[in-house]
């Protein structure tokens, strides 16, 4: 953490890591429920393109609404925390 802070990239690296974890968790939940991308997008009331952006570990501009829809679609709860 200190090296990342010294280099001025701590926030960027943290945001990327969080997004990758979220994408993996959504994919794992989809596999567990045996949902295809088309089925998941239908349950989220969104497009396949929006789901693809959510599942893309490099795409960080995902909205809270999209995350909430994904969690609900797989029977999970979205929780956020400020520290």
N, C-alpha and C. Protein backbone atom coordinates (compact mmCIF):
# COMPACT_ATOMS: atom_id res chain seq x y z
N UNK A 1 0.81 -1.20 0.00
CA UNK A 1 0.00 0.00 0.00
C UNK A 1 0.86 1.26 0.00
N UNK A 2 1.91 1.26 0.80
CA UNK A 2 2.73 2.47 0.87
C UNK A 2 3.41 2.76 -0.47
N UNK A 3 3.89 1.71 -1.15
CA UNK A 3 4.52 1.91 -2.45
C UNK A 3 3.51 2.46 -3.44
N UNK A 4 2.29 1.92 -3.44
CA UNK A 4 1.25 2.42 -4.34
C UNK A 4 0.95 3.87 -4.06
N UNK A 5 0.88 4.23 -2.78
CA UNK A 5 0.63 5.62 -2.40
C UNK A 5 1.77 6.53 -2.86
N UNK A 6 3.00 6.08 -2.66
CA UNK A 6 4.17 6.86 -3.06
C UNK A 6 4.16 7.09 -4.58
N UNK A 7 3.73 6.11 -5.32
CA UNK A 7 3.69 6.21 -6.78
C UNK A 7 2.46 6.98 -7.27
N UNK A 8 1.53 7.25 -6.36
CA UNK A 8 0.33 7.99 -6.72
C UNK A 8 -0.69 7.18 -7.50
N UNK A 9 -0.65 5.86 -7.34
CA UNK A 9 -1.58 5.00 -8.10
C UNK A 9 -2.46 4.14 -7.20
N UNK A 10 -2.44 4.39 -5.91
CA UNK A 10 -3.20 3.56 -4.98
C UNK A 10 -4.69 3.54 -5.31
N UNK A 11 -5.29 4.71 -5.52
CA UNK A 11 -6.73 4.77 -5.82
C UNK A 11 -7.08 4.03 -7.10
N UNK A 12 -6.28 4.26 -8.12
CA UNK A 12 -6.55 3.62 -9.42
C UNK A 12 -6.46 2.10 -9.30
N UNK A 13 -5.42 1.62 -8.64
CA UNK A 13 -5.23 0.18 -8.48
C UNK A 13 -6.36 -0.40 -7.63
N UNK A 14 -6.76 0.30 -6.59
CA UNK A 14 -7.85 -0.18 -5.73
C UNK A 14 -9.16 -0.26 -6.50
N UNK A 15 -9.47 0.74 -7.28
CA UNK A 15 -10.71 0.75 -8.07
C UNK A 15 -10.72 -0.41 -9.06
N UNK A 16 -9.60 -0.63 -9.71
CA UNK A 16 -9.51 -1.73 -10.67
C UNK A 16 -9.67 -3.07 -9.98
N UNK A 17 -9.04 -3.23 -8.82
CA UNK A 17 -9.14 -4.49 -8.08
C UNK A 17 -10.57 -4.75 -7.62
N UNK A 18 -11.24 -3.72 -7.15
CA UNK A 18 -12.63 -3.86 -6.71
C UNK A 18 -13.51 -4.28 -7.88
N UNK A 19 -13.34 -3.64 -9.02
CA UNK A 19 -14.15 -3.96 -10.19
C UNK A 19 -13.90 -5.39 -10.65
N UNK A 20 -12.66 -5.84 -10.63
CA UNK A 20 -12.35 -7.21 -11.02
C UNK A 20 -13.02 -8.22 -10.08
N UNK A 21 -12.99 -7.94 -8.80
CA UNK A 21 -13.63 -8.83 -7.83
C UNK A 21 -15.13 -8.88 -8.07
N UNK A 22 -15.75 -7.72 -8.28
CA UNK A 22 -17.19 -7.68 -8.53
C UNK A 22 -17.55 -8.46 -9.80
N UNK A 23 -16.79 -8.27 -10.85
CA UNK A 23 -17.05 -8.98 -12.11
C UNK A 23 -16.95 -10.49 -11.90
N UNK A 24 -15.93 -10.93 -11.18
CA UNK A 24 -15.76 -12.37 -10.90
C UNK A 24 -16.90 -12.91 -10.06
N UNK A 25 -17.35 -12.13 -9.06
CA UNK A 25 -18.44 -12.58 -8.20
C UNK A 25 -19.75 -12.70 -8.98
N UNK A 26 -20.02 -11.77 -9.86
CA UNK A 26 -21.23 -11.84 -10.68
C UNK A 26 -21.15 -13.05 -11.61
N UNK A 27 -20.01 -13.25 -12.25
CA UNK A 27 -19.85 -14.41 -13.13
C UNK A 27 -20.02 -15.72 -12.37
N UNK A 28 -19.45 -15.80 -11.18
CA UNK A 28 -19.57 -17.02 -10.37
C UNK A 28 -21.03 -17.27 -9.98
N UNK A 29 -21.74 -16.22 -9.62
CA UNK A 29 -23.15 -16.36 -9.26
C UNK A 29 -23.98 -16.79 -10.47
N UNK A 30 -23.63 -16.26 -11.65
CA UNK A 30 -24.32 -16.67 -12.87
C UNK A 30 -24.09 -18.16 -13.15
N UNK A 31 -22.85 -18.62 -12.99
CA UNK A 31 -22.54 -20.04 -13.19
C UNK A 31 -23.31 -20.90 -12.19
N UNK A 32 -23.33 -20.45 -10.94
CA UNK A 32 -24.04 -21.17 -9.88
C UNK A 32 -25.52 -21.33 -10.20
N UNK A 33 -26.12 -20.27 -10.72
CA UNK A 33 -27.55 -20.28 -11.08
C UNK A 33 -27.79 -20.86 -12.47
N UNK A 34 -26.68 -21.12 -13.20
CA UNK A 34 -26.75 -21.61 -14.58
C UNK A 34 -27.48 -20.64 -15.50
N UNK A 35 -27.18 -19.34 -15.31
CA UNK A 35 -27.76 -18.29 -16.15
C UNK A 35 -26.83 -18.00 -17.32
N UNK A 36 -27.38 -17.97 -18.51
CA UNK A 36 -26.63 -17.50 -19.67
C UNK A 36 -26.57 -15.97 -19.58
N UNK A 37 -25.75 -15.38 -20.43
CA UNK A 37 -25.71 -13.91 -20.46
C UNK A 37 -27.05 -13.34 -20.88
N UNK A 38 -27.70 -13.99 -21.82
CA UNK A 38 -29.01 -13.50 -22.27
C UNK A 38 -30.03 -13.55 -21.12
N UNK A 39 -30.02 -14.65 -20.37
CA UNK A 39 -30.95 -14.78 -19.25
C UNK A 39 -30.64 -13.77 -18.15
N UNK A 40 -29.38 -13.58 -17.88
CA UNK A 40 -28.98 -12.61 -16.85
C UNK A 40 -29.40 -11.21 -17.25
N UNK A 41 -29.16 -10.83 -18.49
CA UNK A 41 -29.56 -9.50 -18.96
C UNK A 41 -31.07 -9.34 -18.87
N UNK A 42 -31.82 -10.38 -19.21
CA UNK A 42 -33.27 -10.31 -19.12
C UNK A 42 -33.71 -10.10 -17.67
N UNK A 43 -33.11 -10.83 -16.75
CA UNK A 43 -33.46 -10.70 -15.33
C UNK A 43 -33.08 -9.33 -14.77
N UNK A 44 -32.04 -8.74 -15.33
CA UNK A 44 -31.61 -7.41 -14.89
C UNK A 44 -32.40 -6.29 -15.58
N UNK A 45 -33.21 -6.65 -16.57
CA UNK A 45 -33.95 -5.66 -17.37
C UNK A 45 -32.97 -4.69 -18.03
N UNK A 46 -31.95 -5.28 -18.66
CA UNK A 46 -30.93 -4.47 -19.33
C UNK A 46 -30.50 -5.18 -20.60
N UNK A 47 -29.55 -4.59 -21.28
CA UNK A 47 -29.06 -5.17 -22.54
C UNK A 47 -27.87 -6.09 -22.27
N UNK A 48 -27.58 -6.94 -23.26
CA UNK A 48 -26.38 -7.78 -23.17
C UNK A 48 -25.14 -6.91 -23.15
N UNK A 49 -25.17 -5.79 -23.86
CA UNK A 49 -24.00 -4.89 -23.88
C UNK A 49 -23.73 -4.34 -22.48
N UNK A 50 -24.79 -3.96 -21.75
CA UNK A 50 -24.61 -3.45 -20.39
C UNK A 50 -24.06 -4.55 -19.48
N UNK A 51 -24.55 -5.77 -19.65
CA UNK A 51 -24.03 -6.89 -18.86
C UNK A 51 -22.57 -7.15 -19.20
N UNK A 52 -22.23 -7.10 -20.48
CA UNK A 52 -20.83 -7.29 -20.88
C UNK A 52 -19.92 -6.24 -20.24
N UNK A 53 -20.39 -5.01 -20.15
CA UNK A 53 -19.59 -3.96 -19.49
C UNK A 53 -19.41 -4.29 -18.01
N UNK A 54 -20.47 -4.77 -17.38
CA UNK A 54 -20.38 -5.15 -15.96
C UNK A 54 -19.36 -6.27 -15.77
N UNK A 55 -19.35 -7.23 -16.66
CA UNK A 55 -18.45 -8.38 -16.54
C UNK A 55 -17.04 -8.10 -17.02
N UNK A 56 -16.83 -6.97 -17.68
CA UNK A 56 -15.50 -6.59 -18.17
C UNK A 56 -14.68 -6.04 -17.00
N UNK A 57 -13.64 -6.75 -16.58
CA UNK A 57 -12.87 -6.30 -15.41
C UNK A 57 -12.15 -4.96 -15.61
N UNK A 58 -11.98 -4.55 -16.85
CA UNK A 58 -11.29 -3.29 -17.13
C UNK A 58 -12.24 -2.09 -17.18
N UNK A 59 -13.52 -2.34 -17.34
CA UNK A 59 -14.51 -1.25 -17.44
C UNK A 59 -14.96 -0.86 -16.04
N UNK A 60 -14.59 0.34 -15.60
CA UNK A 60 -14.85 0.77 -14.23
C UNK A 60 -16.08 1.65 -14.07
N UNK A 61 -16.70 2.10 -15.16
CA UNK A 61 -17.80 3.05 -15.07
C UNK A 61 -19.16 2.35 -14.95
N UNK A 62 -19.25 1.39 -14.04
CA UNK A 62 -20.50 0.68 -13.81
C UNK A 62 -21.29 1.43 -12.75
N UNK A 63 -22.59 1.57 -12.98
CA UNK A 63 -23.42 2.32 -12.03
C UNK A 63 -23.85 1.44 -10.85
N UNK A 64 -24.22 2.10 -9.78
CA UNK A 64 -24.76 1.39 -8.62
C UNK A 64 -26.05 0.68 -9.00
N UNK A 65 -26.83 1.29 -9.85
CA UNK A 65 -28.08 0.69 -10.29
C UNK A 65 -27.80 -0.65 -11.00
N UNK A 66 -26.81 -0.69 -11.86
CA UNK A 66 -26.46 -1.91 -12.56
C UNK A 66 -25.98 -2.98 -11.59
N UNK A 67 -25.15 -2.58 -10.63
CA UNK A 67 -24.67 -3.53 -9.62
C UNK A 67 -25.83 -4.08 -8.79
N UNK A 68 -26.76 -3.22 -8.42
CA UNK A 68 -27.93 -3.64 -7.64
C UNK A 68 -28.78 -4.61 -8.44
N UNK A 69 -29.00 -4.31 -9.72
CA UNK A 69 -29.78 -5.20 -10.58
C UNK A 69 -29.12 -6.57 -10.71
N UNK A 70 -27.81 -6.57 -10.85
CA UNK A 70 -27.09 -7.84 -10.98
C UNK A 70 -27.21 -8.66 -9.70
N UNK A 71 -27.03 -8.01 -8.57
CA UNK A 71 -27.15 -8.71 -7.28
C UNK A 71 -28.55 -9.30 -7.12
N UNK A 72 -29.55 -8.51 -7.41
CA UNK A 72 -30.93 -8.97 -7.28
C UNK A 72 -31.21 -10.14 -8.22
N UNK A 73 -30.70 -10.06 -9.44
CA UNK A 73 -30.94 -11.10 -10.44
C UNK A 73 -30.41 -12.46 -10.00
N UNK A 74 -29.33 -12.47 -9.22
CA UNK A 74 -28.76 -13.74 -8.77
C UNK A 74 -29.10 -14.05 -7.31
N UNK A 75 -30.05 -13.29 -6.76
CA UNK A 75 -30.51 -13.55 -5.40
C UNK A 75 -29.54 -13.13 -4.31
N UNK A 76 -28.76 -12.12 -4.61
CA UNK A 76 -27.80 -11.62 -3.62
C UNK A 76 -28.14 -10.19 -3.25
N UNK A 77 -27.42 -9.66 -2.27
CA UNK A 77 -27.62 -8.30 -1.81
C UNK A 77 -26.34 -7.51 -2.05
N UNK A 78 -26.49 -6.29 -2.52
CA UNK A 78 -25.33 -5.42 -2.73
C UNK A 78 -25.15 -4.58 -1.47
N UNK A 79 -23.93 -4.58 -0.95
CA UNK A 79 -23.61 -3.76 0.21
C UNK A 79 -22.39 -2.92 -0.12
N UNK A 80 -22.46 -1.64 0.22
CA UNK A 80 -21.32 -0.74 0.02
C UNK A 80 -20.91 -0.20 1.37
N UNK A 81 -19.64 0.13 1.48
CA UNK A 81 -19.13 0.62 2.75
C UNK A 81 -18.09 1.70 2.50
N UNK A 82 -18.20 2.77 3.22
CA UNK A 82 -17.16 3.82 3.21
C UNK A 82 -16.29 3.63 4.44
N UNK A 83 -15.01 3.72 4.23
CA UNK A 83 -14.10 3.60 5.38
C UNK A 83 -13.26 4.82 5.48
